């Protein structure tokens, strides 16, 4: 179904650039220990790991910053 997503909270997500080691060694385990709601994906095309933590309201990625519009 295609439609508009409705945000229940006005707070926006913060984008953070981390190394893959920092994501695997700190960020993902930290949120797991705190029982945060999160989604983690690995892009074979971009060769990067990305974590979206809905509790922290953060997107953490090992994708290189160049090419990403801020």
PDB file of N, CA and C in Angstrom:
ATOM      1  N   UNK A   1       0.843  -1.184   0.000  1.00  0.00           N
ATOM      2  CA  UNK A   1       0.000   0.000   0.000  1.00  0.00           C
ATOM      3  C   UNK A   1       0.884   1.241   0.000  1.00  0.00           C
ATOM      4  N   UNK A   2       0.595   2.164  -0.865  1.00  0.00           N
ATOM      5  CA  UNK A   2       1.340   3.410  -0.949  1.00  0.00           C
ATOM      6  C   UNK A   2       0.511   4.506  -0.311  1.00  0.00           C
ATOM      7  N   UNK A   3       1.145   5.285   0.513  1.00  0.00           N
ATOM      8  CA  UNK A   3       0.436   6.371   1.171  1.00  0.00           C
ATOM      9  C   UNK A   3       1.414   7.233   1.946  1.00  0.00           C
ATOM     10  N   UNK A   4       0.892   8.189   2.672  1.00  0.00           N
ATOM     11  CA  UNK A   4       1.726   9.071   3.466  1.00  0.00           C
ATOM     12  C   UNK A   4       1.965   8.453   4.840  1.00  0.00           C
ATOM     13  N   UNK A   5       3.223   8.515   5.267  1.00  0.00           N
ATOM     14  CA  UNK A   5       3.554   8.039   6.609  1.00  0.00           C
ATOM     15  C   UNK A   5       3.241   9.142   7.604  1.00  0.00           C
ATOM     16  N   UNK A   6       2.648   8.782   8.705  1.00  0.00           N
ATOM     17  CA  UNK A   6       2.300   9.764   9.727  1.00  0.00           C
ATOM     18  C   UNK A   6       3.230   9.570  10.918  1.00  0.00           C
ATOM     19  N   UNK A   7       3.916  10.631  11.292  1.00  0.00           N
ATOM     20  CA  UNK A   7       4.792  10.586  12.456  1.00  0.00           C
ATOM     21  C   UNK A   7       3.954  10.836  13.702  1.00  0.00           C
ATOM     22  N   UNK A   8       4.122   9.989  14.699  1.00  0.00           N
ATOM     23  CA  UNK A   8       3.401  10.183  15.947  1.00  0.00           C
ATOM     24  C   UNK A   8       4.175  11.090  16.895  1.00  0.00           C
ATOM     25  N   UNK A   9       5.443  11.302  16.593  1.00  0.00           N
ATOM     26  CA  UNK A   9       6.310  12.136  17.411  1.00  0.00           C
ATOM     27  C   UNK A   9       6.976  13.140  16.475  1.00  0.00           C
ATOM     28  N   UNK A  10       7.004  14.399  16.860  1.00  0.00           N
ATOM     29  CA  UNK A  10       7.576  15.434  15.998  1.00  0.00           C
ATOM     30  C   UNK A  10       9.102  15.391  15.956  1.00  0.00           C
ATOM     31  N   UNK A  11       9.726  14.656  16.854  1.00  0.00           N
ATOM     32  CA  UNK A  11      11.181  14.588  16.908  1.00  0.00           C
ATOM     33  C   UNK A  11      11.721  13.884  15.662  1.00  0.00           C
ATOM     34  N   UNK A  12      12.723  14.480  15.041  1.00  0.00           N
ATOM     35  CA  UNK A  12      13.324  13.918  13.834  1.00  0.00           C
ATOM     36  C   UNK A  12      14.471  12.982  14.200  1.00  0.00           C
ATOM     37  N   UNK A  13      14.830  12.122  13.255  1.00  0.00           N
ATOM     38  CA  UNK A  13      15.958  11.232  13.447  1.00  0.00           C
ATOM     39  C   UNK A  13      17.267  11.982  13.216  1.00  0.00           C
ATOM     40  N   UNK A  14      18.277  11.652  14.003  1.00  0.00           N
ATOM     41  CA  UNK A  14      19.602  12.225  13.850  1.00  0.00           C
ATOM     42  C   UNK A  14      20.454  11.226  13.072  1.00  0.00           C
ATOM     43  N   UNK A  15      21.221  11.698  12.095  1.00  0.00           N
ATOM     44  CA  UNK A  15      22.078  10.849  11.289  1.00  0.00           C
ATOM     45  C   UNK A  15      23.501  10.890  11.829  1.00  0.00           C
ATOM     46  N   UNK A  16      24.070   9.715  12.121  1.00  0.00           N
ATOM     47  CA  UNK A  16      25.435   9.617  12.636  1.00  0.00           C
ATOM     48  C   UNK A  16      26.257   8.705  11.734  1.00  0.00           C
ATOM     49  N   UNK A  17      27.480   9.098  11.454  1.00  0.00           N
ATOM     50  CA  UNK A  17      28.397   8.297  10.659  1.00  0.00           C
ATOM     51  C   UNK A  17      29.409   7.647  11.598  1.00  0.00           C
ATOM     52  N   UNK A  18      29.422   6.326  11.621  1.00  0.00           N
ATOM     53  CA  UNK A  18      30.334   5.559  12.468  1.00  0.00           C
ATOM     54  C   UNK A  18      31.033   4.515  11.616  1.00  0.00           C
ATOM     55  N   UNK A  19      32.116   3.969  12.137  1.00  0.00           N
ATOM     56  CA  UNK A  19      32.758   2.855  11.447  1.00  0.00           C
ATOM     57  C   UNK A  19      31.910   1.604  11.656  1.00  0.00           C
ATOM     58  N   UNK A  20      32.087   0.628  10.792  1.00  0.00           N
ATOM     59  CA  UNK A  20      31.352  -0.625  10.950  1.00  0.00           C
ATOM     60  C   UNK A  20      31.724  -1.298  12.272  1.00  0.00           C
ATOM     61  N   UNK A  21      32.995  -1.191  12.657  1.00  0.00           N
ATOM     62  CA  UNK A  21      33.430  -1.756  13.942  1.00  0.00           C
ATOM     63  C   UNK A  21      32.708  -1.111  15.120  1.00  0.00           C
ATOM     64  N   UNK A  22      32.524   0.219  15.073  1.00  0.00           N
ATOM     65  CA  UNK A  22      31.808   0.918  16.149  1.00  0.00           C
ATOM     66  C   UNK A  22      30.327   0.537  16.175  1.00  0.00           C
ATOM     67  N   UNK A  23      29.744   0.346  15.000  1.00  0.00           N
ATOM     68  CA  UNK A  23      28.345  -0.085  14.948  1.00  0.00           C
ATOM     69  C   UNK A  23      28.184  -1.477  15.563  1.00  0.00           C
ATOM     70  N   UNK A  24      29.036  -2.412  15.123  1.00  0.00           N
ATOM     71  CA  UNK A  24      28.947  -3.796  15.606  1.00  0.00           C
ATOM     72  C   UNK A  24      29.384  -3.935  17.068  1.00  0.00           C
ATOM     73  N   UNK A  25      30.389  -3.154  17.461  1.00  0.00           N
ATOM     74  CA  UNK A  25      30.968  -3.312  18.788  1.00  0.00           C
ATOM     75  C   UNK A  25      30.320  -2.487  19.881  1.00  0.00           C
ATOM     76  N   UNK A  26      29.653  -1.403  19.499  1.00  0.00           N
ATOM     77  CA  UNK A  26      29.073  -0.522  20.521  1.00  0.00           C
ATOM     78  C   UNK A  26      27.595  -0.205  20.292  1.00  0.00           C
ATOM     79  N   UNK A  27      27.276   0.433  19.181  1.00  0.00           N
ATOM     80  CA  UNK A  27      25.929   0.993  18.989  1.00  0.00           C
ATOM     81  C   UNK A  27      24.838  -0.077  18.989  1.00  0.00           C
ATOM     82  N   UNK A  28      25.004  -1.121  18.180  1.00  0.00           N
ATOM     83  CA  UNK A  28      23.982  -2.164  18.090  1.00  0.00           C
ATOM     84  C   UNK A  28      23.847  -2.920  19.414  1.00  0.00           C
ATOM     85  N   UNK A  29      24.965  -3.387  20.033  1.00  0.00           N
ATOM     86  CA  UNK A  29      24.828  -4.074  21.321  1.00  0.00           C
ATOM     87  C   UNK A  29      24.235  -3.187  22.426  1.00  0.00           C
ATOM     88  N   UNK A  30      24.589  -1.896  22.426  1.00  0.00           N
ATOM     89  CA  UNK A  30      24.051  -0.973  23.432  1.00  0.00           C
ATOM     90  C   UNK A  30      22.524  -0.923  23.346  1.00  0.00           C
ATOM     91  N   UNK A  31      22.009  -0.753  22.125  1.00  0.00           N
ATOM     92  CA  UNK A  31      20.557  -0.672  21.951  1.00  0.00           C
ATOM     93  C   UNK A  31      19.883  -2.012  22.238  1.00  0.00           C
ATOM     94  N   UNK A  32      20.552  -3.112  21.922  1.00  0.00           N
ATOM     95  CA  UNK A  32      20.001  -4.434  22.227  1.00  0.00           C
ATOM     96  C   UNK A  32      19.866  -4.622  23.734  1.00  0.00           C
ATOM     97  N   UNK A  33      20.905  -4.231  24.479  1.00  0.00           N
ATOM     98  CA  UNK A  33      20.884  -4.379  25.942  1.00  0.00           C
ATOM     99  C   UNK A  33      19.778  -3.543  26.575  1.00  0.00           C
ATOM    100  N   UNK A  34      19.464  -2.409  25.957  1.00  0.00           N
ATOM    101  CA  UNK A  34      18.427  -1.513  26.487  1.00  0.00           C
ATOM    102  C   UNK A  34      17.036  -1.864  25.960  1.00  0.00           C
ATOM    103  N   UNK A  35      16.939  -2.954  25.159  1.00  0.00           N
ATOM    104  CA  UNK A  35      15.674  -3.387  24.556  1.00  0.00           C
ATOM    105  C   UNK A  35      15.043  -2.314  23.672  1.00  0.00           C
ATOM    106  N   UNK A  36      15.897  -1.579  22.946  1.00  0.00           N
ATOM    107  CA  UNK A  36      15.406  -0.567  22.014  1.00  0.00           C
ATOM    108  C   UNK A  36      14.825  -1.245  20.779  1.00  0.00           C
ATOM    109  N   UNK A  37      13.882  -0.572  20.151  1.00  0.00           N
ATOM    110  CA  UNK A  37      13.317  -1.044  18.889  1.00  0.00           C
ATOM    111  C   UNK A  37      14.248  -0.565  17.787  1.00  0.00           C
ATOM    112  N   UNK A  38      14.828  -1.526  17.058  1.00  0.00           N
ATOM    113  CA  UNK A  38      15.801  -1.157  16.040  1.00  0.00           C
ATOM    114  C   UNK A  38      15.720  -2.085  14.837  1.00  0.00           C
ATOM    115  N   UNK A  39      16.259  -1.597  13.737  1.00  0.00           N
ATOM    116  CA  UNK A  39      16.381  -2.383  12.511  1.00  0.00           C
ATOM    117  C   UNK A  39      17.801  -2.183  12.011  1.00  0.00           C
ATOM    118  N   UNK A  40      18.433  -3.282  11.592  1.00  0.00           N
ATOM    119  CA  UNK A  40      19.807  -3.221  11.106  1.00  0.00           C
ATOM    120  C   UNK A  40      19.857  -3.878   9.732  1.00  0.00           C
ATOM    121  N   UNK A  41      20.564  -3.234   8.803  1.00  0.00           N
ATOM    122  CA  UNK A  41      20.670  -3.777   7.444  1.00  0.00           C
ATOM    123  C   UNK A  41      22.094  -3.598   6.930  1.00  0.00           C
ATOM    124  N   UNK A  42      22.511  -4.533   6.079  1.00  0.00           N
ATOM    125  CA  UNK A  42      23.809  -4.429   5.416  1.00  0.00           C
ATOM    126  C   UNK A  42      23.575  -4.287   3.923  1.00  0.00           C
ATOM    127  N   UNK A  43      24.171  -3.265   3.323  1.00  0.00           N
ATOM    128  CA  UNK A  43      24.053  -3.047   1.883  1.00  0.00           C
ATOM    129  C   UNK A  43      25.250  -3.668   1.185  1.00  0.00           C
ATOM    130  N   UNK A  44      24.997  -4.671   0.346  1.00  0.00           N
ATOM    131  CA  UNK A  44      26.087  -5.275  -0.415  1.00  0.00           C
ATOM    132  C   UNK A  44      26.542  -4.340  -1.536  1.00  0.00           C
ATOM    133  N   UNK A  45      25.647  -3.486  -2.014  1.00  0.00           N
ATOM    134  CA  UNK A  45      25.993  -2.537  -3.071  1.00  0.00           C
ATOM    135  C   UNK A  45      26.937  -1.453  -2.545  1.00  0.00           C
ATOM    136  N   UNK A  46      26.610  -0.870  -1.391  1.00  0.00           N
ATOM    137  CA  UNK A  46      27.424   0.205  -0.807  1.00  0.00           C
ATOM    138  C   UNK A  46      28.456  -0.327   0.185  1.00  0.00           C
ATOM    139  N   UNK A  47      28.393  -1.629   0.485  1.00  0.00           N
ATOM    140  CA  UNK A  47      29.305  -2.254   1.446  1.00  0.00           C
ATOM    141  C   UNK A  47      29.294  -1.489   2.769  1.00  0.00           C
ATOM    142  N   UNK A  48      28.103  -1.302   3.322  1.00  0.00           N
ATOM    143  CA  UNK A  48      27.987  -0.566   4.580  1.00  0.00           C
ATOM    144  C   UNK A  48      26.886  -1.157   5.457  1.00  0.00           C
ATOM    145  N   UNK A  49      27.024  -0.927   6.732  1.00  0.00           N
ATOM    146  CA  UNK A  49      26.053  -1.367   7.734  1.00  0.00           C
ATOM    147  C   UNK A  49      25.282  -0.146   8.218  1.00  0.00           C
ATOM    148  N   UNK A  50      23.962  -0.288   8.372  1.00  0.00           N
ATOM    149  CA  UNK A  50      23.134   0.815   8.849  1.00  0.00           C
ATOM    150  C   UNK A  50      22.192   0.323   9.930  1.00  0.00           C
ATOM    151  N   UNK A  51      22.139   1.052  11.029  1.00  0.00           N
ATOM    152  CA  UNK A  51      21.233   0.765  12.137  1.00  0.00           C
ATOM    153  C   UNK A  51      20.244   1.915  12.248  1.00  0.00           C
ATOM    154  N   UNK A  52      18.967   1.585  12.340  1.00  0.00           N
ATOM    155  CA  UNK A  52      17.935   2.578  12.632  1.00  0.00           C
ATOM    156  C   UNK A  52      17.385   2.220  14.002  1.00  0.00           C
ATOM    157  N   UNK A  53      17.587   3.099  14.972  1.00  0.00           N
ATOM    158  CA  UNK A  53      17.058   2.869  16.309  1.00  0.00           C
ATOM    159  C   UNK A  53      15.875   3.817  16.502  1.00  0.00           C
ATOM    160  N   UNK A  54      14.685   3.223  16.584  1.00  0.00           N
ATOM    161  CA  UNK A  54      13.473   4.009  16.726  1.00  0.00           C
ATOM    162  C   UNK A  54      13.332   4.578  18.136  1.00  0.00           C
ATOM    163  N   UNK A  55      13.990   3.950  19.107  1.00  0.00           N
ATOM    164  CA  UNK A  55      13.943   4.441  20.483  1.00  0.00           C
ATOM    165  C   UNK A  55      14.867   5.643  20.661  1.00  0.00           C
ATOM    166  N   UNK A  56      16.094   5.531  20.149  1.00  0.00           N
ATOM    167  CA  UNK A  56      17.068   6.635  20.227  1.00  0.00           C
ATOM    168  C   UNK A  56      16.764   7.748  19.223  1.00  0.00           C
ATOM    169  N   UNK A  57      15.951   7.426  18.201  1.00  0.00           N
ATOM    170  CA  UNK A  57      15.681   8.352  17.098  1.00  0.00           C
ATOM    171  C   UNK A  57      16.968   8.693  16.355  1.00  0.00           C
ATOM    172  N   UNK A  58      17.788   7.634  16.090  1.00  0.00           N
ATOM    173  CA  UNK A  58      19.059   7.830  15.395  1.00  0.00           C
ATOM    174  C   UNK A  58      19.198   6.823  14.266  1.00  0.00           C
ATOM    175  N   UNK A  59      19.792   7.300  13.176  1.00  0.00           N
ATOM    176  CA  UNK A  59      20.212   6.437  12.087  1.00  0.00           C
ATOM    177  C   UNK A  59      21.732   6.471  12.121  1.00  0.00           C
ATOM    178  N   UNK A  60      22.322   5.310  12.327  1.00  0.00           N
ATOM    179  CA  UNK A  60      23.777   5.207  12.387  1.00  0.00           C
ATOM    180  C   UNK A  60      24.233   4.357  11.208  1.00  0.00           C
ATOM    181  N   UNK A  61      25.202   4.864  10.457  1.00  0.00           N
ATOM    182  CA  UNK A  61      25.627   4.152   9.257  1.00  0.00           C
ATOM    183  C   UNK A  61      27.129   4.233   9.064  1.00  0.00           C
ATOM    184  N   UNK A  62      27.681   3.201   8.417  1.00  0.00           N
ATOM    185  CA  UNK A  62      29.093   3.219   8.057  1.00  0.00           C
ATOM    186  C   UNK A  62      29.271   3.698   6.617  1.00  0.00           C
ATOM    187  N   UNK A  63      28.170   4.132   5.969  1.00  0.00           N
ATOM    188  CA  UNK A  63      28.246   4.661   4.611  1.00  0.00           C
ATOM    189  C   UNK A  63      29.073   5.938   4.618  1.00  0.00           C
ATOM    190  N   UNK A  64      29.865   6.103   3.602  1.00  0.00           N
ATOM    191  CA  UNK A  64      30.686   7.303   3.501  1.00  0.00           C
ATOM    192  C   UNK A  64      29.802   8.539   3.328  1.00  0.00           C
ATOM    193  N   UNK A  65      30.190   9.652   3.926  1.00  0.00           N
ATOM    194  CA  UNK A  65      29.388  10.877   3.908  1.00  0.00           C
ATOM    195  C   UNK A  65      29.236  11.495   2.524  1.00  0.00           C
ATOM    196  N   UNK A  66      30.239  11.339   1.663  1.00  0.00           N
ATOM    197  CA  UNK A  66      30.141  11.970   0.346  1.00  0.00           C
ATOM    198  C   UNK A  66      28.982  11.368  -0.449  1.00  0.00           C
ATOM    199  N   UNK A  67      28.252  12.216  -1.092  1.00  0.00           N
ATOM    200  CA  UNK A  67      27.107  11.762  -1.864  1.00  0.00           C
ATOM    201  C   UNK A  67      25.813  11.796  -1.100  1.00  0.00           C
ATOM    202  N   UNK A  68      25.867  12.058   0.210  1.00  0.00           N
ATOM    203  CA  UNK A  68      24.663  12.118   1.026  1.00  0.00           C
ATOM    204  C   UNK A  68      24.331  13.591   1.258  1.00  0.00           C
ATOM    205  N   UNK A  69      23.140  13.980   0.922  1.00  0.00           N
ATOM    206  CA  UNK A  69      22.692  15.359   1.121  1.00  0.00           C
ATOM    207  C   UNK A  69      22.316  15.556   2.568  1.00  0.00           C
ATOM    208  N   UNK A  70      22.878  16.569   3.176  1.00  0.00           N
ATOM    209  CA  UNK A  70      22.562  16.854   4.582  1.00  0.00           C
ATOM    210  C   UNK A  70      21.519  17.929   4.674  1.00  0.00           C
TER     211      UNK A  70
END
